[in-house]
């Protein structure tokens, strides 16, 4: 424990307790806003991100809460977009509202896709070489494609060997 009874890690940095994590995740599910949820929980967003990297179970719960938050935001945006205007509303106002909702839904879709594509860590210390391995595999594929194209275009063997290195 730290000075004021707060949990700290080996580097002396604050760690969220169980209650703070639960409050944070509940708020995240409602808002999809990490910084605001951390404020509600009474801890810094940096500490929450650090805990997510350190704790695979918390990372999984974070992912679930974020997905739930996206569903809520989408429902709210759709609900607002489908409200029929009453009274005398100018065309410019209607166009502005429609643009706002389209933009909101597009941003939400892009953000959701990024979250769905994110891989949860298999353990606390996920393999650090995996990104490098994927990049090297892609580079090898590009080299192989370049060699095939070079052979098909009749480019001399010296160039093909350079590309293959």
C-alpha atoms as a PDB file:
ATOM      1  CA  UNK A   1       0.000   0.000   0.000  1.00  0.00           C
ATOM      2  CA  UNK A   2       1.058   3.558  -0.659  1.00  0.00           C
ATOM      3  CA  UNK A   3       1.127   6.558   1.616  1.00  0.00           C
ATOM      4  CA  UNK A   4      -2.594   7.282   1.902  1.00  0.00           C
ATOM      5  CA  UNK A   5      -3.751   3.664   1.824  1.00  0.00           C
ATOM      6  CA  UNK A   6      -3.874   3.654  -1.971  1.00  0.00           C
ATOM      7  CA  UNK A   7      -2.588   0.629  -3.875  1.00  0.00           C
ATOM      8  CA  UNK A   8       0.558   1.324  -5.875  1.00  0.00           C
ATOM      9  CA  UNK A   9       2.564  -0.724  -8.337  1.00  0.00           C
ATOM     10  CA  UNK A  10       6.303  -1.416  -8.175  1.00  0.00           C
ATOM     11  CA  UNK A  11       7.066   1.983  -9.712  1.00  0.00           C
ATOM     12  CA  UNK A  12       5.016   3.795  -7.069  1.00  0.00           C
ATOM     13  CA  UNK A  13       2.157   4.607  -9.463  1.00  0.00           C
ATOM     14  CA  UNK A  14      -1.451   4.477  -8.287  1.00  0.00           C
ATOM     15  CA  UNK A  15      -3.473   1.369  -9.111  1.00  0.00           C
ATOM     16  CA  UNK A  16      -7.257   1.339  -9.097  1.00  0.00           C
ATOM     17  CA  UNK A  17      -8.979  -0.731  -6.444  1.00  0.00           C
ATOM     18  CA  UNK A  18     -11.858  -3.117  -7.187  1.00  0.00           C
ATOM     19  CA  UNK A  19     -14.522  -0.491  -6.430  1.00  0.00           C
ATOM     20  CA  UNK A  20     -12.883   2.068  -8.744  1.00  0.00           C
ATOM     21  CA  UNK A  21     -12.657  -0.502 -11.544  1.00  0.00           C
ATOM     22  CA  UNK A  22     -16.344  -1.379 -11.166  1.00  0.00           C
ATOM     23  CA  UNK A  23     -17.404   2.292 -11.149  1.00  0.00           C
ATOM     24  CA  UNK A  24     -15.185   2.984 -14.148  1.00  0.00           C
ATOM     25  CA  UNK A  25     -16.611   0.071 -16.159  1.00  0.00           C
ATOM     26  CA  UNK A  26     -20.202   1.003 -15.308  1.00  0.00           C
ATOM     27  CA  UNK A  27     -19.595   4.569 -16.461  1.00  0.00           C
ATOM     28  CA  UNK A  28     -17.740   3.374 -19.573  1.00  0.00           C
ATOM     29  CA  UNK A  29     -20.726   1.207 -20.530  1.00  0.00           C
ATOM     30  CA  UNK A  30     -22.956   4.265 -20.275  1.00  0.00           C
ATOM     31  CA  UNK A  31     -20.727   6.780 -22.050  1.00  0.00           C
ATOM     32  CA  UNK A  32     -17.908   5.058 -23.986  1.00  0.00           C
ATOM     33  CA  UNK A  33     -15.723   7.882 -22.651  1.00  0.00           C
ATOM     34  CA  UNK A  34     -12.567   6.664 -20.897  1.00  0.00           C
ATOM     35  CA  UNK A  35     -11.463  10.020 -19.446  1.00  0.00           C
ATOM     36  CA  UNK A  36     -14.917  10.887 -18.078  1.00  0.00           C
ATOM     37  CA  UNK A  37     -15.345   7.377 -16.661  1.00  0.00           C
ATOM     38  CA  UNK A  38     -11.976   7.583 -14.921  1.00  0.00           C
ATOM     39  CA  UNK A  39     -12.982  10.928 -13.354  1.00  0.00           C
ATOM     40  CA  UNK A  40     -16.222   9.381 -12.092  1.00  0.00           C
ATOM     41  CA  UNK A  41     -14.170   6.555 -10.544  1.00  0.00           C
ATOM     42  CA  UNK A  42     -11.787   9.043  -8.923  1.00  0.00           C
ATOM     43  CA  UNK A  43      -8.614   7.904 -10.656  1.00  0.00           C
ATOM     44  CA  UNK A  44      -6.624   9.016 -13.692  1.00  0.00           C
ATOM     45  CA  UNK A  45      -7.297   7.635 -17.151  1.00  0.00           C
ATOM     46  CA  UNK A  46      -3.586   6.814 -17.363  1.00  0.00           C
ATOM     47  CA  UNK A  47      -3.874   4.538 -14.340  1.00  0.00           C
ATOM     48  CA  UNK A  48      -6.855   2.788 -15.920  1.00  0.00           C
ATOM     49  CA  UNK A  49      -5.001   2.238 -19.199  1.00  0.00           C
ATOM     50  CA  UNK A  50      -2.028   0.905 -17.239  1.00  0.00           C
ATOM     51  CA  UNK A  51      -4.318  -1.498 -15.356  1.00  0.00           C
ATOM     52  CA  UNK A  52      -5.863  -2.663 -18.630  1.00  0.00           C
ATOM     53  CA  UNK A  53      -2.403  -3.568 -19.953  1.00  0.00           C
ATOM     54  CA  UNK A  54      -1.511  -5.337 -16.718  1.00  0.00           C
ATOM     55  CA  UNK A  55      -4.779  -7.190 -16.027  1.00  0.00           C
ATOM     56  CA  UNK A  56      -6.251  -9.422 -18.779  1.00  0.00           C
ATOM     57  CA  UNK A  57      -9.532  -9.906 -16.890  1.00  0.00           C
ATOM     58  CA  UNK A  58      -9.999  -6.164 -16.558  1.00  0.00           C
ATOM     59  CA  UNK A  59      -9.114  -5.715 -20.242  1.00  0.00           C
ATOM     60  CA  UNK A  60     -11.874  -8.173 -21.202  1.00  0.00           C
ATOM     61  CA  UNK A  61     -14.420  -6.391 -18.987  1.00  0.00           C
ATOM     62  CA  UNK A  62     -13.284  -3.033 -20.458  1.00  0.00           C
ATOM     63  CA  UNK A  63     -13.885  -4.346 -23.972  1.00  0.00           C
ATOM     64  CA  UNK A  64     -17.385  -5.565 -23.041  1.00  0.00           C
ATOM     65  CA  UNK A  65     -18.264  -2.240 -21.398  1.00  0.00           C
ATOM     66  CA  UNK A  66     -17.002  -0.268 -24.390  1.00  0.00           C
ATOM     67  CA  UNK A  67     -19.049  -2.388 -26.799  1.00  0.00           C
ATOM     68  CA  UNK A  68     -22.137  -1.897 -24.631  1.00  0.00           C
ATOM     69  CA  UNK A  69     -21.481   1.838 -24.607  1.00  0.00           C
ATOM     70  CA  UNK A  70     -21.309   1.895 -28.401  1.00  0.00           C
ATOM     71  CA  UNK A  71     -24.652   0.118 -28.638  1.00  0.00           C
ATOM     72  CA  UNK A  72     -26.180   2.695 -26.295  1.00  0.00           C
ATOM     73  CA  UNK A  73     -24.724   5.633 -28.205  1.00  0.00           C
ATOM     74  CA  UNK A  74     -25.939   4.232 -31.505  1.00  0.00           C
ATOM     75  CA  UNK A  75     -29.442   3.734 -30.107  1.00  0.00           C
ATOM     76  CA  UNK A  76     -29.490   7.318 -28.798  1.00  0.00           C
ATOM     77  CA  UNK A  77     -28.297   8.730 -32.128  1.00  0.00           C
ATOM     78  CA  UNK A  78     -30.866   6.717 -34.071  1.00  0.00           C
ATOM     79  CA  UNK A  79     -33.623   7.711 -31.683  1.00  0.00           C
ATOM     80  CA  UNK A  80     -32.798  11.391 -32.075  1.00  0.00           C
ATOM     81  CA  UNK A  81     -32.452  11.089 -35.844  1.00  0.00           C
ATOM     82  CA  UNK A  82     -35.880   9.470 -36.180  1.00  0.00           C
ATOM     83  CA  UNK A  83     -37.778  12.152 -34.253  1.00  0.00           C
ATOM     84  CA  UNK A  84     -40.165  13.887 -36.621  1.00  0.00           C
ATOM     85  CA  UNK A  85     -39.753  17.643 -36.412  1.00  0.00           C
ATOM     86  CA  UNK A  86     -42.845  19.555 -35.405  1.00  0.00           C
ATOM     87  CA  UNK A  87     -43.745  23.117 -36.172  1.00  0.00           C
ATOM     88  CA  UNK A  88     -41.944  25.411 -38.550  1.00  0.00           C
ATOM     89  CA  UNK A  89     -38.414  24.080 -38.979  1.00  0.00           C
ATOM     90  CA  UNK A  90     -36.125  25.546 -41.615  1.00  0.00           C
ATOM     91  CA  UNK A  91     -34.553  23.325 -44.263  1.00  0.00           C
ATOM     92  CA  UNK A  92     -31.084  24.421 -43.162  1.00  0.00           C
ATOM     93  CA  UNK A  93     -31.831  23.215 -39.634  1.00  0.00           C
ATOM     94  CA  UNK A  94     -33.054  19.857 -40.916  1.00  0.00           C
ATOM     95  CA  UNK A  95     -29.995  19.439 -43.127  1.00  0.00           C
ATOM     96  CA  UNK A  96     -27.690  20.377 -40.261  1.00  0.00           C
ATOM     97  CA  UNK A  97     -29.345  17.860 -37.934  1.00  0.00           C
ATOM     98  CA  UNK A  98     -29.194  15.108 -40.568  1.00  0.00           C
ATOM     99  CA  UNK A  99     -25.520  15.813 -41.172  1.00  0.00           C
ATOM    100  CA  UNK A 100     -24.814  15.713 -37.434  1.00  0.00           C
ATOM    101  CA  UNK A 101     -26.490  12.320 -37.045  1.00  0.00           C
ATOM    102  CA  UNK A 102     -24.807  10.855 -40.130  1.00  0.00           C
ATOM    103  CA  UNK A 103     -21.435  12.051 -38.882  1.00  0.00           C
ATOM    104  CA  UNK A 104     -22.100  10.678 -35.411  1.00  0.00           C
ATOM    105  CA  UNK A 105     -23.146   7.291 -36.746  1.00  0.00           C
ATOM    106  CA  UNK A 106     -20.158   7.163 -39.118  1.00  0.00           C
ATOM    107  CA  UNK A 107     -17.707   7.997 -36.338  1.00  0.00           C
ATOM    108  CA  UNK A 108     -19.356   5.463 -34.074  1.00  0.00           C
ATOM    109  CA  UNK A 109     -19.142   2.770 -36.770  1.00  0.00           C
ATOM    110  CA  UNK A 110     -15.448   3.500 -37.340  1.00  0.00           C
ATOM    111  CA  UNK A 111     -14.704   3.472 -33.628  1.00  0.00           C
ATOM    112  CA  UNK A 112     -16.675   0.261 -33.113  1.00  0.00           C
ATOM    113  CA  UNK A 113     -14.806  -1.412 -35.985  1.00  0.00           C
ATOM    114  CA  UNK A 114     -11.516  -0.451 -34.380  1.00  0.00           C
ATOM    115  CA  UNK A 115     -12.620  -1.922 -31.066  1.00  0.00           C
ATOM    116  CA  UNK A 116     -13.940  -5.121 -32.664  1.00  0.00           C
ATOM    117  CA  UNK A 117     -10.674  -5.515 -34.511  1.00  0.00           C
ATOM    118  CA  UNK A 118      -8.655  -5.032 -31.358  1.00  0.00           C
ATOM    119  CA  UNK A 119      -7.316  -8.247 -29.951  1.00  0.00           C
ATOM    120  CA  UNK A 120      -7.541  -8.788 -26.247  1.00  0.00           C
ATOM    121  CA  UNK A 121      -4.295  -9.787 -24.632  1.00  0.00           C
ATOM    122  CA  UNK A 122      -3.998 -13.550 -24.112  1.00  0.00           C
ATOM    123  CA  UNK A 123      -2.238 -12.901 -20.840  1.00  0.00           C
ATOM    124  CA  UNK A 124      -0.901 -10.020 -18.843  1.00  0.00           C
ATOM    125  CA  UNK A 125       2.260  -9.912 -20.964  1.00  0.00           C
ATOM    126  CA  UNK A 126       1.041 -10.477 -24.508  1.00  0.00           C
ATOM    127  CA  UNK A 127       3.688 -11.504 -27.025  1.00  0.00           C
ATOM    128  CA  UNK A 128       5.606  -8.413 -28.001  1.00  0.00           C
ATOM    129  CA  UNK A 129       7.042  -9.917 -31.194  1.00  0.00           C
ATOM    130  CA  UNK A 130       3.669 -10.674 -32.750  1.00  0.00           C
ATOM    131  CA  UNK A 131       3.317  -7.300 -34.482  1.00  0.00           C
ATOM    132  CA  UNK A 132       6.839  -7.582 -35.828  1.00  0.00           C
ATOM    133  CA  UNK A 133       6.134 -11.106 -37.076  1.00  0.00           C
ATOM    134  CA  UNK A 134       2.979  -9.927 -38.878  1.00  0.00           C
ATOM    135  CA  UNK A 135       4.885  -7.054 -40.501  1.00  0.00           C
ATOM    136  CA  UNK A 136       7.689  -9.366 -41.603  1.00  0.00           C
ATOM    137  CA  UNK A 137       5.150 -11.784 -43.087  1.00  0.00           C
ATOM    138  CA  UNK A 138       3.534  -8.932 -45.027  1.00  0.00           C
ATOM    139  CA  UNK A 139       6.949  -7.760 -46.212  1.00  0.00           C
ATOM    140  CA  UNK A 140       7.763 -11.290 -47.399  1.00  0.00           C
ATOM    141  CA  UNK A 141       4.469 -11.412 -49.302  1.00  0.00           C
ATOM    142  CA  UNK A 142       5.199  -8.062 -50.965  1.00  0.00           C
ATOM    143  CA  UNK A 143       8.691  -9.273 -51.913  1.00  0.00           C
ATOM    144  CA  UNK A 144       7.285 -12.492 -53.389  1.00  0.00           C
ATOM    145  CA  UNK A 145       4.711 -10.514 -55.383  1.00  0.00           C
ATOM    146  CA  UNK A 146       7.422  -8.156 -56.648  1.00  0.00           C
ATOM    147  CA  UNK A 147       9.527 -11.133 -57.729  1.00  0.00           C
ATOM    148  CA  UNK A 148       6.579 -12.679 -59.591  1.00  0.00           C
ATOM    149  CA  UNK A 149       5.880  -9.385 -61.327  1.00  0.00           C
ATOM    150  CA  UNK A 150       9.574  -8.941 -62.166  1.00  0.00           C
ATOM    151  CA  UNK A 151       9.703 -12.400 -63.730  1.00  0.00           C
ATOM    152  CA  UNK A 152       6.545 -11.712 -65.700  1.00  0.00           C
ATOM    153  CA  UNK A 153       7.872  -8.400 -67.007  1.00  0.00           C
ATOM    154  CA  UNK A 154      11.198  -9.907 -68.100  1.00  0.00           C
ATOM    155  CA  UNK A 155      13.286  -7.877 -65.673  1.00  0.00           C
ATOM    156  CA  UNK A 156      16.767  -9.287 -65.227  1.00  0.00           C
ATOM    157  CA  UNK A 157      17.578 -11.775 -62.465  1.00  0.00           C
ATOM    158  CA  UNK A 158      19.834  -9.319 -60.605  1.00  0.00           C
ATOM    159  CA  UNK A 159      16.892  -7.052 -59.802  1.00  0.00           C
ATOM    160  CA  UNK A 160      14.752 -10.004 -58.741  1.00  0.00           C
ATOM    161  CA  UNK A 161      17.455 -11.130 -56.323  1.00  0.00           C
ATOM    162  CA  UNK A 162      17.681  -7.611 -54.840  1.00  0.00           C
ATOM    163  CA  UNK A 163      13.953  -7.503 -54.221  1.00  0.00           C
ATOM    164  CA  UNK A 164      14.096 -10.963 -52.655  1.00  0.00           C
ATOM    165  CA  UNK A 165      16.755  -9.983 -50.091  1.00  0.00           C
END
